C-alpha atoms as a PDB file:
ATOM      1  CA  MET A   1      99.983 129.977 104.466  1.00  0.00           C
ATOM      2  CA  PRO A   2      96.236 129.644 104.058  1.00  0.00           C
ATOM      3  CA  GLN A   3      94.923 130.399 100.617  1.00  0.00           C
ATOM      4  CA  GLU A   4      91.818 132.498 100.167  1.00  0.00           C
ATOM      5  CA  ARG A   5      88.962 130.583  98.560  1.00  0.00           C
ATOM      6  CA  SER A   6      85.700 131.752  97.091  1.00  0.00           C
ATOM      7  CA  ALA A   7      82.688 130.849  99.189  1.00  0.00           C
ATOM      8  CA  GLY A   8      80.924 127.762  97.868  1.00  0.00           C
ATOM      9  CA  LYS A   9      83.626 127.000  95.334  1.00  0.00           C
ATOM     10  CA  PRO A  10      85.563 123.782  95.978  1.00  0.00           C
ATOM     11  CA  SER A  11      89.341 123.891  95.936  1.00  0.00           C
ATOM     12  CA  THR A  12      91.316 121.820  93.454  1.00  0.00           C
ATOM     13  CA  ARG A  13      94.433 121.798  95.611  1.00  0.00           C
ATOM     14  CA  ARG A  14      96.272 118.498  95.957  1.00  0.00           C
ATOM     15  CA  TYR A  15      97.852 117.716  99.298  1.00  0.00           C
ATOM     16  CA  THR A  16     101.000 115.637  99.739  1.00  0.00           C
ATOM     17  CA  GLU A  17     100.981 112.512 101.870  1.00  0.00           C
ATOM     18  CA  GLN A  18     103.170 114.369 104.377  1.00  0.00           C
ATOM     19  CA  GLU A  19     100.628 117.206 104.651  1.00  0.00           C
ATOM     20  CA  LYS A  20      97.802 114.714 105.144  1.00  0.00           C
ATOM     21  CA  ALA A  21      99.758 112.738 107.762  1.00  0.00           C
ATOM     22  CA  ALA A  22     100.625 115.914 109.675  1.00  0.00           C
ATOM     23  CA  ALA A  23      96.962 116.997 109.735  1.00  0.00           C
ATOM     24  CA  ILE A  24      95.886 113.549 110.952  1.00  0.00           C
ATOM     25  CA  ARG A  25      98.516 113.611 113.719  1.00  0.00           C
ATOM     26  CA  MET A  26      97.397 117.083 114.776  1.00  0.00           C
ATOM     27  CA  VAL A  27      93.733 116.031 114.972  1.00  0.00           C
ATOM     28  CA  ARG A  28      94.585 112.920 116.962  1.00  0.00           C
ATOM     29  CA  THR A  29      96.856 114.877 119.323  1.00  0.00           C
ATOM     30  CA  LEU A  30      94.197 117.534 119.878  1.00  0.00           C
ATOM     31  CA  ARG A  31      91.587 114.849 120.534  1.00  0.00           C
ATOM     32  CA  ALA A  32      93.858 113.205 123.095  1.00  0.00           C
ATOM     33  CA  GLU A  33      94.638 116.509 124.804  1.00  0.00           C
ATOM     34  CA  THR A  34      91.042 117.717 125.000  1.00  0.00           C
ATOM     35  CA  GLY A  35      89.415 114.325 125.462  1.00  0.00           C
ATOM     36  CA  SER A  36      86.823 115.337 122.904  1.00  0.00           C
ATOM     37  CA  GLU A  37      86.324 114.922 119.173  1.00  0.00           C
ATOM     38  CA  HIS A  38      83.988 117.892 118.891  1.00  0.00           C
ATOM     39  CA  GLY A  39      85.481 120.658 116.723  1.00  0.00           C
ATOM     40  CA  THR A  40      88.970 119.190 116.467  1.00  0.00           C
ATOM     41  CA  VAL A  41      88.897 118.654 112.715  1.00  0.00           C
ATOM     42  CA  LYS A  42      87.623 122.176 112.014  1.00  0.00           C
ATOM     43  CA  ARG A  43      90.186 123.683 114.351  1.00  0.00           C
ATOM     44  CA  VAL A  44      93.100 121.857 112.689  1.00  0.00           C
ATOM     45  CA  ALA A  45      91.794 122.527 109.177  1.00  0.00           C
ATOM     46  CA  ASP A  46      91.416 126.240 109.903  1.00  0.00           C
ATOM     47  CA  GLN A  47      94.872 126.388 111.468  1.00  0.00           C
ATOM     48  CA  LEU A  48      96.482 124.740 108.426  1.00  0.00           C
ATOM     49  CA  GLY A  49      94.295 126.460 105.841  1.00  0.00           C
ATOM     50  CA  TYR A  50      92.937 123.144 104.549  1.00  0.00           C
ATOM     51  CA  GLY A  51      89.362 122.245 103.741  1.00  0.00           C
ATOM     52  CA  VAL A  52      87.447 120.890 106.733  1.00  0.00           C
ATOM     53  CA  GLU A  53      85.862 118.096 104.696  1.00  0.00           C
ATOM     54  CA  SER A  54      89.253 117.024 103.313  1.00  0.00           C
ATOM     55  CA  VAL A  55      90.766 116.753 106.786  1.00  0.00           C
ATOM     56  CA  ARG A  56      87.660 114.963 108.101  1.00  0.00           C
ATOM     57  CA  LEU A  57      87.904 112.367 105.319  1.00  0.00           C
ATOM     58  CA  TRP A  58      91.647 111.841 105.882  1.00  0.00           C
ATOM     59  CA  VAL A  59      91.141 111.282 109.599  1.00  0.00           C
ATOM     60  CA  ARG A  60      88.219 108.917 109.011  1.00  0.00           C
ATOM     61  CA  GLN A  61      90.216 106.876 106.469  1.00  0.00           C
ATOM     62  CA  ALA A  62      93.226 106.761 108.822  1.00  0.00           C
ATOM     63  CA  ASP A  63      90.937 105.503 111.600  1.00  0.00           C
ATOM     64  CA  ILE A  64      89.643 102.776 109.270  1.00  0.00           C
ATOM     65  CA  ASP A  65      93.164 101.835 108.135  1.00  0.00           C
ATOM     66  CA  ASP A  66      94.312 101.624 111.767  1.00  0.00           C
ATOM     67  CA  GLY A  67      91.348  99.406 112.703  1.00  0.00           C
ATOM     68  CA  HIS A  68      89.686 101.977 114.971  1.00  0.00           C
ATOM     69  CA  GLU A  69      86.602 102.243 112.738  1.00  0.00           C
ATOM     70  CA  LEU A  70      84.756  99.861 110.462  1.00  0.00           C
ATOM     71  CA  GLY A  71      85.063 100.417 106.742  1.00  0.00           C
ATOM     72  CA  VAL A  72      87.074  99.564 103.649  1.00  0.00           C
ATOM     73  CA  SER A  73      90.782 100.117 104.197  1.00  0.00           C
ATOM     74  CA  THR A  74      92.949 101.922 101.674  1.00  0.00           C
ATOM     75  CA  ASP A  75      94.730  98.657 100.798  1.00  0.00           C
ATOM     76  CA  GLU A  76      91.434  96.822 100.284  1.00  0.00           C
ATOM     77  CA  ALA A  77      90.074  99.616  98.089  1.00  0.00           C
ATOM     78  CA  ALA A  78      93.245  99.572  95.973  1.00  0.00           C
ATOM     79  CA  ARG A  79      92.998  95.790  95.582  1.00  0.00           C
ATOM     80  CA  VAL A  80      89.340  96.077  94.505  1.00  0.00           C
ATOM     81  CA  ARG A  81      90.302  98.702  91.890  1.00  0.00           C
ATOM     82  CA  GLU A  82      93.072  96.415  90.584  1.00  0.00           C
ATOM     83  CA  LEU A  83      90.704  93.460  90.363  1.00  0.00           C
ATOM     84  CA  GLU A  84      88.031  95.541  88.609  1.00  0.00           C
ATOM     85  CA  GLN A  85      90.626  96.675  86.053  1.00  0.00           C
ATOM     86  CA  GLU A  86      91.712  93.067  85.528  1.00  0.00           C
ATOM     87  CA  VAL A  87      88.085  91.994  84.992  1.00  0.00           C
ATOM     88  CA  ARG A  88      87.615  94.766  82.376  1.00  0.00           C
ATOM     89  CA  GLU A  89      90.773  93.654  80.551  1.00  0.00           C
ATOM     90  CA  LEU A  90      89.746  89.990  80.632  1.00  0.00           C
ATOM     91  CA  ARG A  91      86.278  90.838  79.302  1.00  0.00           C
ATOM     92  CA  ARG A  92      87.834  92.794  76.431  1.00  0.00           C
ATOM     93  CA  ALA A  93      90.206  89.900  75.687  1.00  0.00           C
ATOM     94  CA  ASN A  94      87.302  87.424  75.747  1.00  0.00           C
ATOM     95  CA  GLU A  95      85.353  89.618  73.318  1.00  0.00           C
ATOM     96  CA  VAL A  96      88.331  89.693  70.934  1.00  0.00           C
ATOM     97  CA  LEU A  97      88.685  85.919  71.183  1.00  0.00           C
ATOM     98  CA  LYS A  98      84.965  85.396  70.523  1.00  0.00           C
ATOM     99  CA  ARG A  99      85.120  87.615  67.433  1.00  0.00           C
ATOM    100  CA  ALA A 100      88.254  85.834  66.219  1.00  0.00           C
ATOM    101  CA  ALA A 101      86.660  82.417  66.757  1.00  0.00           C
ATOM    102  CA  THR A 102      83.558  83.523  64.855  1.00  0.00           C
ATOM    103  CA  PHE A 103      85.664  84.919  62.000  1.00  0.00           C
ATOM    104  CA  PHE A 104      87.918  81.877  61.674  1.00  0.00           C
ATOM    105  CA  GLY A 105      85.008  79.488  62.141  1.00  0.00           C
ATOM    106  CA  ALA A 106      83.171  81.152  59.278  1.00  0.00           C
ATOM    107  CA  GLU A 107      86.345  81.068  57.139  1.00  0.00           C
ATOM    108  CA  LEU A 108      86.822  77.338  57.754  1.00  0.00           C
ATOM    109  CA  ASP A 109      83.161  76.735  57.003  1.00  0.00           C
ATOM    110  CA  ARG A 110      83.523  78.495  53.626  1.00  0.00           C
ATOM    111  CA  ARG A 111      86.587  76.367  52.718  1.00  0.00           C
ATOM    112  CA  TYR A 112      84.859  73.076  53.480  1.00  0.00           C
ATOM    113  CA  ARG A 113      81.796  73.988  51.418  1.00  0.00           C
ATOM    114  CA  ARG A 114      83.837  74.525  48.241  1.00  0.00           C
END
C-alpha cells in the first residue's frame, strides 16, 4: 500500500531487490505496450507508491547494466569501490611502514653512535 509522504520531504524507505526488479519489469512492459517512454516511470511509481526518482534511477541503471545505455555498470562501480578501498588500506599500511622504518632507523643510528 502506498505510504503518505510529506511534500518536499524525501523518504528514507529501503526497497528490496525484488521490489526494484518488479518496478523495472513493469516500466519496461508498459514501454513495450505503449511504444512510448513518456510518463511510464511516473505511472508505475504512482501505482506502486514508490518515489518517481527512485524508479527512474533503477530503470536507468538496469538499462546500463543490460547494455542498452552507456554508463558505469553496477559491477564496474562495485569493482571501483573495492579498488578504492584497497588503495586506502595500502596507503595506510605504507604510512605505518614508513614510520616504523624511520623509528628503527633512528634507533640503529643511536646504537652505532655510542
